[in-house]
Amino acid sequence: MDSVSSSGVCAAFIASDSSTKPENDDGGNYEMFTRKFVFRPELFDVTKPYITPAVHKECQQSNEKEDLMNGVKKEISISIIGKIRELILDGSLQLIQEGLKSGFLYPLFEKQDKGSKPITLPLDTCNLSELCEMAKHLPSLNEMEHQTLQLVEEDTSVTEQDLFLRVVENNSSFTKVITLMGQKYLLPPKSSFLLSDISCMQPLLNYRKTFDVIVIDPPWQNKSVKRSNRYSYLSPLQIKQIPIPKLAAPNCLLVTWVTNRQKHLRFIKEELYPSWSVEVVAEWHWVKITNSGEFVFPLDSPHKKPYEGLILGRVQEKTALPLRNADVNVLPIPDHKLIVSVPCTLHSHKPPLAEVLKDYIKPDGEYLELFARNLQPGWTSWGNEVLKFQHVDYFIALESGS
C-alpha cells in the first residue's frame, strides 16, 4: 500500500485498526479497517513572514550604525550571495505562481478574516534525550548491542528497556501506534530507528547494513543555539567523527543540511566531505514561504535568510568498480535545485526528502537519516530525539475504511 502522500510535503501513513467486521455468514474472511494519519495541517499555517520588510529595514539601519561606530567590516562573498539571490528569486517566483494557480497557495486576503484556533502541542512528558542518558547507566545493555527489536503485528506498547541501544524495526505494511512512558508514537511502515546519542552509535554499525542514501542534519553550533539552550550542538571535530565510511554503501549519496553561514559551507566542502572521501556534486536550496507565497524572511536580510542549504556528495570508491545495479536508470543530479515549501511551525522540522530524491537514487536502496526527529516509511532513522515528531498529537486520523 502507498505509505507516503503523493505530494511528499507532509507525512501520511496507513495504519491498521484493531477493529474487524464479524465473519460473513458463508464463512468469508474478516475485513480489516484502516486509518490514514496525516500531519496536522495547522502546523503549516504560516500566514505572515517572520520578519516584515519594515522591521527588516529598521534592523538593517541599526546594524549599519553599529558597524560604523565599531568600525566593523563584515567579510561577505558578495558575488556568491548575489548569484544565489537571483537564482532563488527567479526560480521561486515560477514555483509560487504555479502554487497559486493550483490552489496549493492562496492570496492572503482570501483567508485573513478567518480566525485561527490556537495549536495545542504535546507536553514534553517523555524526554527522549533523557532516556538516552538513562541507557548509558544500565549495565545489562552490552549484551543487547547486537540485537534488533522486530515489532510483530500484535505489538502496541514497548518499554524503555526495549528501546535502549537496539534498532527497532516495523517490518509490516502498516503504521504501528506504540506507547512509550505513557506517550503514543506512530511508527511508519517498513521503518526502523535507533534512539541514542552520538556516543552510542554502535548498534547502528552492528546492524549489518550499508546505505545508498544518508541524510544528515547536524546540530550546528551558533549564537542563537547557545543563548536559547534549546538543544546541544556538536563541534566540527565531533561531526567529522561520525562513522560515515562504515555506514555508506559504494557510490552512496550523502546529503547534509547546512545553515547559510559561509564558515559551515566551507567546512563541509573543504574539510568534512574530503575526510569521508566524499566528492561534492551539487548544492541545493530549501526556500521557505508563507501560505500566500511570501518569503518568511526578506531575501536581502543580512542575518536570517528565507532559505537553507543542502550539500550533496557521492562517496568515492578506492578502486574503480562498476556501480551496483547498473541497469537502473538514475538521472544525473542537477546543481542549485530549489525546494520551495511552507515550513512547519515546529522548530527544526525539515521537509522529507524521499520524494525529492527519488529520481536520483535507486528505488530499492537502503536509506538512512542521521540526527532525525521523525521517521519515514522505508527509512532507517537515528538520533536522541528520533521519535519527537512522531508523537500522535502531531497527527490527525482520517476516516476509516475497509
Protein backbone atom coordinates (compact mmCIF):
# COMPACT_ATOMS: atom_id res chain seq x y z
CA MET A 1 0.00 0.00 0.00
CA ASP A 2 1.10 3.56 -0.59
CA SER A 3 2.67 4.86 2.58
CA VAL A 4 3.52 8.44 1.61
CA SER A 5 1.30 11.13 0.18
CA SER A 6 1.94 11.92 -3.48
CA SER A 7 2.92 15.50 -2.64
CA GLY A 8 5.77 14.34 -0.43
CA VAL A 9 5.39 17.52 1.64
CA CYS A 10 3.90 16.13 4.83
CA ALA A 11 3.85 12.69 6.35
CA ALA A 12 0.87 10.44 5.61
CA PHE A 13 0.74 6.90 6.95
CA ILE A 14 -1.65 3.95 6.62
CA ALA A 15 -2.29 2.32 9.99
CA SER A 16 -4.09 -0.91 10.87
CA ASP A 17 -7.10 -0.64 13.15
CA SER A 18 -7.74 -3.22 15.84
CA SER A 19 -11.44 -3.45 14.95
CA THR A 20 -12.70 -6.05 12.47
CA LYS A 21 -16.02 -6.88 10.90
CA PRO A 22 -17.77 -10.06 12.05
CA GLU A 23 -17.23 -13.14 9.96
CA ASN A 24 -19.55 -13.43 6.98
CA ASP A 25 -22.41 -15.96 7.10
CA ASP A 26 -20.73 -18.01 4.41
CA GLY A 27 -17.53 -18.24 6.42
CA GLY A 28 -15.77 -15.46 4.48
CA ASN A 29 -12.64 -13.70 5.63
CA TYR A 30 -12.52 -10.88 8.12
CA GLU A 31 -12.21 -7.36 6.73
CA MET A 32 -9.61 -5.06 8.22
CA PHE A 33 -10.27 -1.38 8.75
CA THR A 34 -7.51 1.10 8.02
CA ARG A 35 -6.92 4.67 9.08
CA LYS A 36 -4.72 7.23 7.41
CA PHE A 37 -2.71 9.53 9.65
CA VAL A 38 -1.60 12.89 8.25
CA PHE A 39 0.45 15.66 9.83
CA ARG A 40 -1.88 18.29 11.27
CA PRO A 41 -2.36 20.97 8.58
CA GLU A 42 -2.50 23.82 11.12
CA LEU A 43 1.19 23.16 11.84
CA PHE A 44 1.84 24.55 8.34
CA ASP A 45 -0.37 27.62 8.78
CA VAL A 46 2.26 30.30 8.13
CA THR A 47 0.24 33.33 7.04
CA LYS A 48 2.78 36.11 7.69
CA PRO A 49 6.55 36.47 7.23
CA TYR A 50 8.55 36.01 10.42
CA ILE A 51 10.10 39.44 9.86
CA THR A 52 8.27 42.08 7.84
CA PRO A 53 10.18 44.30 5.38
CA ALA A 54 9.60 47.34 7.61
CA VAL A 55 11.12 45.69 10.67
CA HIS A 56 13.95 44.33 8.50
CA LYS A 57 14.78 47.84 7.22
CA GLU A 58 14.81 49.22 10.76
CA CYS A 59 17.13 46.44 11.95
CA GLN A 60 19.37 46.92 8.92
CA GLN A 61 19.76 50.66 9.60
CA SER A 62 20.51 49.94 13.25
CA ASN A 63 23.16 47.39 12.29
CA GLU A 64 24.74 49.80 9.80
CA LYS A 65 25.06 52.47 12.51
CA GLU A 66 26.54 49.94 14.92
CA ASP A 67 29.02 48.78 12.28
CA LEU A 68 30.13 52.36 11.59
CA MET A 69 30.54 53.12 15.29
CA ASN A 70 32.54 49.99 15.98
CA GLY A 71 34.46 50.07 12.72
CA VAL A 72 33.24 46.54 11.97
CA LYS A 73 33.68 45.33 8.41
CA LYS A 74 31.97 42.03 7.63
CA GLU A 75 33.63 39.71 5.16
CA ILE A 76 30.90 38.51 2.84
CA SER A 77 31.31 36.93 -0.55
CA ILE A 78 29.11 39.37 -2.48
CA SER A 79 29.41 37.58 -5.82
CA ILE A 80 28.32 34.17 -4.47
CA ILE A 81 25.45 35.56 -2.42
CA GLY A 82 24.33 37.68 -5.36
CA LYS A 83 24.19 34.69 -7.70
CA ILE A 84 22.23 32.59 -5.22
CA ARG A 85 19.88 35.52 -4.58
CA GLU A 86 19.00 35.83 -8.27
CA LEU A 87 18.60 32.08 -8.66
CA ILE A 88 16.25 31.84 -5.66
CA LEU A 89 14.28 34.92 -6.69
CA ASP A 90 13.69 33.73 -10.27
CA GLY A 91 13.16 30.05 -9.53
CA SER A 92 10.90 30.58 -6.53
CA LEU A 93 8.71 33.06 -8.43
CA GLN A 94 7.85 30.44 -11.05
CA LEU A 95 7.02 27.79 -8.44
CA ILE A 96 4.98 30.24 -6.33
CA GLN A 97 2.93 31.24 -9.38
CA GLU A 98 2.19 27.56 -10.05
CA GLY A 99 1.25 27.11 -6.41
CA LEU A 100 -1.23 29.99 -6.58
CA LYS A 101 -2.74 28.63 -9.81
CA SER A 102 -3.17 25.13 -8.41
CA GLY A 103 -4.67 26.32 -5.11
CA PHE A 104 -1.82 24.94 -3.01
CA LEU A 105 -1.04 28.57 -2.10
CA TYR A 106 -3.66 31.27 -1.73
CA PRO A 107 -3.68 35.09 -1.73
CA LEU A 108 -3.53 36.46 1.80
CA PHE A 109 -6.85 38.31 1.56
CA GLU A 110 -8.76 35.06 0.97
CA LYS A 111 -8.15 33.74 4.48
CA GLN A 112 -7.16 36.76 6.53
CA ASP A 113 -10.65 37.12 8.07
CA LYS A 114 -10.80 33.54 9.26
CA GLY A 115 -9.80 33.16 12.88
CA SER A 116 -7.18 30.51 13.55
CA LYS A 117 -7.51 28.28 16.58
CA PRO A 118 -4.53 28.07 18.95
CA ILE A 119 -2.44 24.95 18.41
CA THR A 120 -2.17 22.60 21.37
CA LEU A 121 1.17 20.83 21.18
CA PRO A 122 2.01 17.67 23.12
CA LEU A 123 3.62 18.14 26.51
CA ASP A 124 7.24 17.06 26.71
CA THR A 125 6.43 14.44 29.34
CA CYS A 126 8.56 11.83 27.62
CA ASN A 127 12.00 13.40 27.30
CA LEU A 128 13.69 11.24 24.68
CA SER A 129 17.17 12.67 25.19
CA GLU A 130 16.94 11.86 28.91
CA LEU A 131 16.06 8.27 28.01
CA CYS A 132 19.30 8.12 26.03
CA GLU A 133 21.22 9.23 29.11
CA MET A 134 19.47 6.57 31.22
CA ALA A 135 20.55 3.89 28.75
CA LYS A 136 24.23 4.59 29.40
CA HIS A 137 23.92 3.63 33.06
CA LEU A 138 22.27 0.24 32.64
CA PRO A 139 24.92 -2.50 32.99
CA SER A 140 22.99 -5.17 31.07
CA LEU A 141 22.94 -3.27 27.80
CA ASN A 142 26.23 -4.61 26.45
CA GLU A 143 24.55 -7.96 25.82
CA MET A 144 21.89 -6.28 23.67
CA GLU A 145 24.11 -4.29 21.33
CA HIS A 146 23.96 -6.86 18.55
CA GLN A 147 20.20 -7.33 18.72
CA THR A 148 17.32 -5.71 16.91
CA LEU A 149 13.72 -5.48 18.07
CA GLN A 150 11.21 -6.50 15.39
CA LEU A 151 7.68 -5.41 16.21
CA VAL A 152 5.15 -8.11 15.37
CA GLU A 153 1.56 -7.43 14.37
CA GLU A 154 0.24 -7.63 17.94
CA ASP A 155 2.73 -5.18 19.45
CA THR A 156 1.11 -2.00 20.75
CA SER A 157 3.48 -0.96 23.53
CA VAL A 158 7.16 -1.13 24.33
CA THR A 159 9.12 -0.41 27.48
CA GLU A 160 12.05 1.93 27.75
CA GLN A 161 14.33 -1.08 28.14
CA ASP A 162 13.03 -2.47 24.83
CA LEU A 163 14.41 0.56 23.00
CA PHE A 164 17.74 1.06 24.69
CA LEU A 165 20.65 0.51 22.31
CA ARG A 166 18.64 -1.55 19.85
CA VAL A 167 17.46 -0.85 16.33
CA VAL A 168 13.66 -1.13 16.37
CA GLU A 169 12.00 -2.35 13.16
CA ASN A 170 8.43 -2.13 11.92
CA ASN A 171 8.55 -4.55 9.00
CA SER A 172 4.80 -4.58 8.43
CA SER A 173 2.91 -2.69 5.71
CA PHE A 174 1.04 -0.65 8.29
CA THR A 175 1.90 2.06 10.77
CA LYS A 176 2.05 0.90 14.38
CA VAL A 177 0.92 3.01 17.30
CA ILE A 178 3.22 2.27 20.25
CA THR A 179 3.15 3.58 23.81
CA LEU A 180 6.34 4.70 25.49
CA MET A 181 6.25 6.12 29.02
CA GLY A 182 2.58 6.91 28.63
CA GLN A 183 3.02 8.70 25.30
CA LYS A 184 1.81 7.36 21.94
CA TYR A 185 4.03 7.45 18.84
CA LEU A 186 3.43 6.43 15.22
CA LEU A 187 5.93 4.10 13.55
CA PRO A 188 5.54 4.23 9.74
CA PRO A 189 5.51 1.02 7.68
CA LYS A 190 8.84 -0.55 6.73
CA SER A 191 10.71 1.86 9.00
CA SER A 192 13.37 1.32 11.65
CA PHE A 193 15.09 3.55 14.17
CA LEU A 194 17.76 3.76 16.84
CA LEU A 195 17.16 6.06 19.80
CA SER A 196 20.60 7.05 21.09
CA ASP A 197 23.09 9.89 21.13
CA ILE A 198 26.38 10.13 19.26
CA SER A 199 28.27 8.23 21.98
CA CYS A 200 26.13 5.12 21.43
CA MET A 201 26.02 4.55 17.67
CA GLN A 202 27.47 1.05 17.80
CA PRO A 203 24.10 -0.73 17.36
CA LEU A 204 23.71 1.07 14.03
CA LEU A 205 27.14 -0.14 12.96
CA ASN A 206 26.22 -3.66 14.11
CA TYR A 207 23.01 -3.50 12.06
CA ARG A 208 24.88 -5.15 9.17
CA LYS A 209 23.54 -2.69 6.65
CA THR A 210 25.20 -0.11 4.47
CA PHE A 211 23.16 2.70 3.00
CA ASP A 212 22.74 4.06 -0.52
CA VAL A 213 21.48 7.43 0.75
CA ILE A 214 22.47 9.15 4.00
CA VAL A 215 20.82 12.44 5.02
CA ILE A 216 22.45 14.38 7.86
CA ASP A 217 21.00 17.32 9.80
CA PRO A 218 23.83 18.15 12.23
CA PRO A 219 23.18 20.36 15.28
CA TRP A 220 25.38 23.21 14.09
CA GLN A 221 26.92 25.49 16.66
CA ASN A 222 25.71 29.10 16.55
CA LYS A 223 24.98 32.02 18.86
CA SER A 224 21.19 31.58 18.98
CA VAL A 225 21.55 27.93 20.00
CA LYS A 226 23.96 28.92 22.77
CA ARG A 227 21.61 31.63 24.04
CA SER A 228 18.42 29.55 23.92
CA ASN A 229 19.99 26.30 25.18
CA ARG A 230 17.32 24.66 23.03
CA TYR A 231 19.44 21.67 22.12
CA SER A 232 23.04 20.53 22.38
CA TYR A 233 25.33 21.19 19.43
CA LEU A 234 28.39 19.44 18.04
CA SER A 235 31.78 20.88 17.26
CA PRO A 236 33.24 20.43 13.74
CA LEU A 237 35.60 17.79 15.12
CA GLN A 238 32.71 15.80 16.59
CA ILE A 239 30.81 15.95 13.29
CA LYS A 240 33.89 14.65 11.44
CA GLN A 241 33.95 11.66 13.79
CA ILE A 242 30.55 10.39 12.60
CA PRO A 243 31.37 6.97 11.03
CA ILE A 244 30.06 7.72 7.55
CA PRO A 245 32.65 5.48 5.80
CA LYS A 246 31.36 2.47 7.77
CA LEU A 247 27.70 3.27 7.09
CA ALA A 248 27.94 4.20 3.41
CA ALA A 249 27.45 1.74 0.56
CA PRO A 250 29.52 2.12 -2.64
CA ASN A 251 28.53 5.28 -4.51
CA CYS A 252 26.39 6.39 -1.55
CA LEU A 253 24.64 9.75 -1.97
CA LEU A 254 25.31 11.96 1.05
CA VAL A 255 23.03 14.95 1.74
CA THR A 256 23.88 17.41 4.52
CA TRP A 257 21.61 20.20 5.73
CA VAL A 258 23.55 23.38 6.42
CA THR A 259 22.82 26.91 7.58
CA ASN A 260 23.81 29.92 5.47
CA ARG A 261 26.98 30.65 7.40
CA GLN A 262 29.87 30.64 4.93
CA LYS A 263 32.01 29.09 7.67
CA HIS A 264 29.81 25.96 7.75
CA LEU A 265 29.58 25.74 3.96
CA ARG A 266 33.36 25.90 3.60
CA PHE A 267 33.81 23.34 6.36
CA ILE A 268 31.58 20.80 4.59
CA LYS A 269 33.12 21.29 1.16
CA GLU A 270 36.77 21.66 2.15
CA GLU A 271 37.13 19.53 5.30
CA LEU A 272 34.16 17.32 6.19
CA TYR A 273 33.41 15.68 2.84
CA PRO A 274 37.10 15.14 1.93
CA SER A 275 37.65 13.47 5.33
CA TRP A 276 34.87 10.98 4.43
CA SER A 277 36.13 10.53 0.82
CA VAL A 278 33.01 12.27 -0.47
CA GLU A 279 33.02 14.43 -3.61
CA VAL A 280 30.65 17.42 -3.73
CA VAL A 281 28.28 17.09 -6.70
CA ALA A 282 25.62 19.75 -6.07
CA GLU A 283 24.29 22.44 -3.75
CA TRP A 284 20.51 22.70 -3.33
CA HIS A 285 18.38 25.29 -1.55
CA TRP A 286 15.21 24.91 0.53
CA VAL A 287 13.21 28.13 0.19
CA LYS A 288 10.64 28.81 2.93
CA ILE A 289 7.49 30.76 2.07
CA THR A 290 4.17 31.65 3.66
CA ASN A 291 0.83 30.21 2.57
CA SER A 292 0.42 33.20 0.27
CA GLY A 293 3.85 32.86 -1.35
CA GLU A 294 5.92 35.47 0.54
CA PHE A 295 9.44 34.70 1.75
CA VAL A 296 9.41 34.07 5.52
CA PHE A 297 12.41 36.40 5.83
CA PRO A 298 13.44 39.23 3.48
CA LEU A 299 15.72 37.86 0.79
CA ASP A 300 18.24 40.67 1.46
CA SER A 301 18.33 40.18 5.23
CA PRO A 302 21.97 40.15 6.44
CA HIS A 303 21.10 37.75 9.26
CA LYS A 304 18.21 35.35 8.72
CA LYS A 305 17.72 34.13 5.16
CA PRO A 306 14.48 32.58 3.84
CA TYR A 307 16.41 29.54 2.65
CA GLU A 308 18.70 26.79 3.89
CA GLY A 309 21.25 24.76 2.00
CA LEU A 310 21.78 21.10 1.22
CA ILE A 311 25.20 19.88 0.10
CA LEU A 312 25.03 16.69 -1.98
CA GLY A 313 28.03 14.45 -2.48
CA ARG A 314 28.99 10.95 -3.63
CA VAL A 315 31.22 8.56 -1.73
CA GLN A 316 34.29 7.90 -3.87
CA GLU A 317 35.45 4.36 -4.40
CA LYS A 318 39.02 3.34 -3.59
CA THR A 319 39.02 1.20 -6.72
CA ALA A 320 37.17 1.80 -9.97
CA LEU A 321 34.27 -0.64 -9.61
CA PRO A 322 31.08 -0.65 -11.68
CA LEU A 323 28.04 0.80 -9.97
CA ARG A 324 25.69 -1.64 -8.34
CA ASN A 325 22.51 -2.27 -10.32
CA ALA A 326 23.94 -0.51 -13.36
CA ASP A 327 20.73 -1.27 -15.27
CA VAL A 328 18.75 1.11 -13.02
CA ASN A 329 18.18 4.46 -14.69
CA VAL A 330 19.23 7.22 -12.31
CA LEU A 331 19.26 10.81 -13.51
CA PRO A 332 22.34 12.99 -13.00
CA ILE A 333 21.99 15.31 -10.01
CA PRO A 334 21.41 18.95 -11.06
CA ASP A 335 23.12 21.81 -9.27
CA HIS A 336 21.18 24.56 -7.46
CA LYS A 337 17.86 22.72 -7.41
CA LEU A 338 15.19 24.59 -5.44
CA ILE A 339 12.77 23.06 -2.94
CA VAL A 340 10.06 25.62 -2.20
CA SER A 341 7.56 24.90 0.57
CA VAL A 342 5.67 26.29 3.54
CA PRO A 343 7.77 25.31 6.59
CA CYS A 344 6.37 23.54 9.61
CA THR A 345 5.95 25.77 12.65
CA LEU A 346 7.76 23.18 14.78
CA HIS A 347 11.40 24.11 15.44
CA SER A 348 13.98 22.25 13.30
CA HIS A 349 11.37 20.26 11.40
CA LYS A 350 12.76 19.64 7.91
CA PRO A 351 10.79 18.56 4.84
CA PRO A 352 11.19 14.85 3.99
CA LEU A 353 13.49 14.33 1.03
CA ALA A 354 12.35 10.91 -0.22
CA GLU A 355 10.08 12.37 -2.90
CA VAL A 356 12.61 14.99 -3.99
CA LEU A 357 15.46 12.48 -4.27
CA LYS A 358 13.58 9.63 -5.94
CA ASP A 359 14.78 10.42 -9.50
CA TYR A 360 18.43 10.37 -8.41
CA ILE A 361 18.56 7.22 -6.26
CA LYS A 362 17.86 3.52 -6.58
CA PRO A 363 14.21 2.68 -5.84
CA ASP A 364 15.18 -0.44 -3.85
CA GLY A 365 18.06 1.09 -1.89
CA GLU A 366 18.72 1.40 1.82
CA TYR A 367 18.16 4.91 3.20
CA LEU A 368 19.37 6.45 6.46
CA GLU A 369 18.75 9.78 8.22
CA LEU A 370 21.09 10.92 10.98
CA PHE A 371 20.07 13.37 13.73
CA ALA A 372 16.47 12.68 12.72
CA ARG A 373 13.50 13.88 14.76
CA ASN A 374 10.92 11.91 12.80
CA LEU A 375 10.62 8.65 10.87
CA GLN A 376 9.94 7.99 7.18
CA PRO A 377 8.45 4.89 5.54
CA GLY A 378 11.23 2.70 4.16
CA TRP A 379 13.98 4.60 6.00
CA THR A 380 16.23 3.93 8.99
CA SER A 381 16.47 6.91 11.37
CA TRP A 382 18.87 7.70 14.20
CA GLY A 383 19.03 10.42 16.84
CA ASN A 384 18.48 11.16 20.51
CA GLU A 385 15.04 12.63 19.66
CA VAL A 386 14.26 10.31 16.77
CA LEU A 387 10.56 9.90 17.75
CA LYS A 388 9.96 13.55 18.66
CA PHE A 389 7.71 14.48 15.72
CA GLN A 390 6.09 11.01 15.63
CA HIS A 391 4.04 11.87 18.71
CA VAL A 392 0.43 11.05 17.91
CA ASP A 393 -0.71 14.57 18.88
CA TYR A 394 1.06 15.97 15.80
CA PHE A 395 -1.23 13.91 13.56
CA ILE A 396 -4.90 13.59 12.73
CA ALA A 397 -6.58 10.34 11.71
CA LEU A 398 -8.77 10.43 8.62
CA GLU A 399 -11.98 8.42 8.42
CA SER A 400 -11.68 4.64 8.49
CA GLY A 401 -12.46 2.31 5.65
CA SER A 402 -12.03 -1.33 4.72
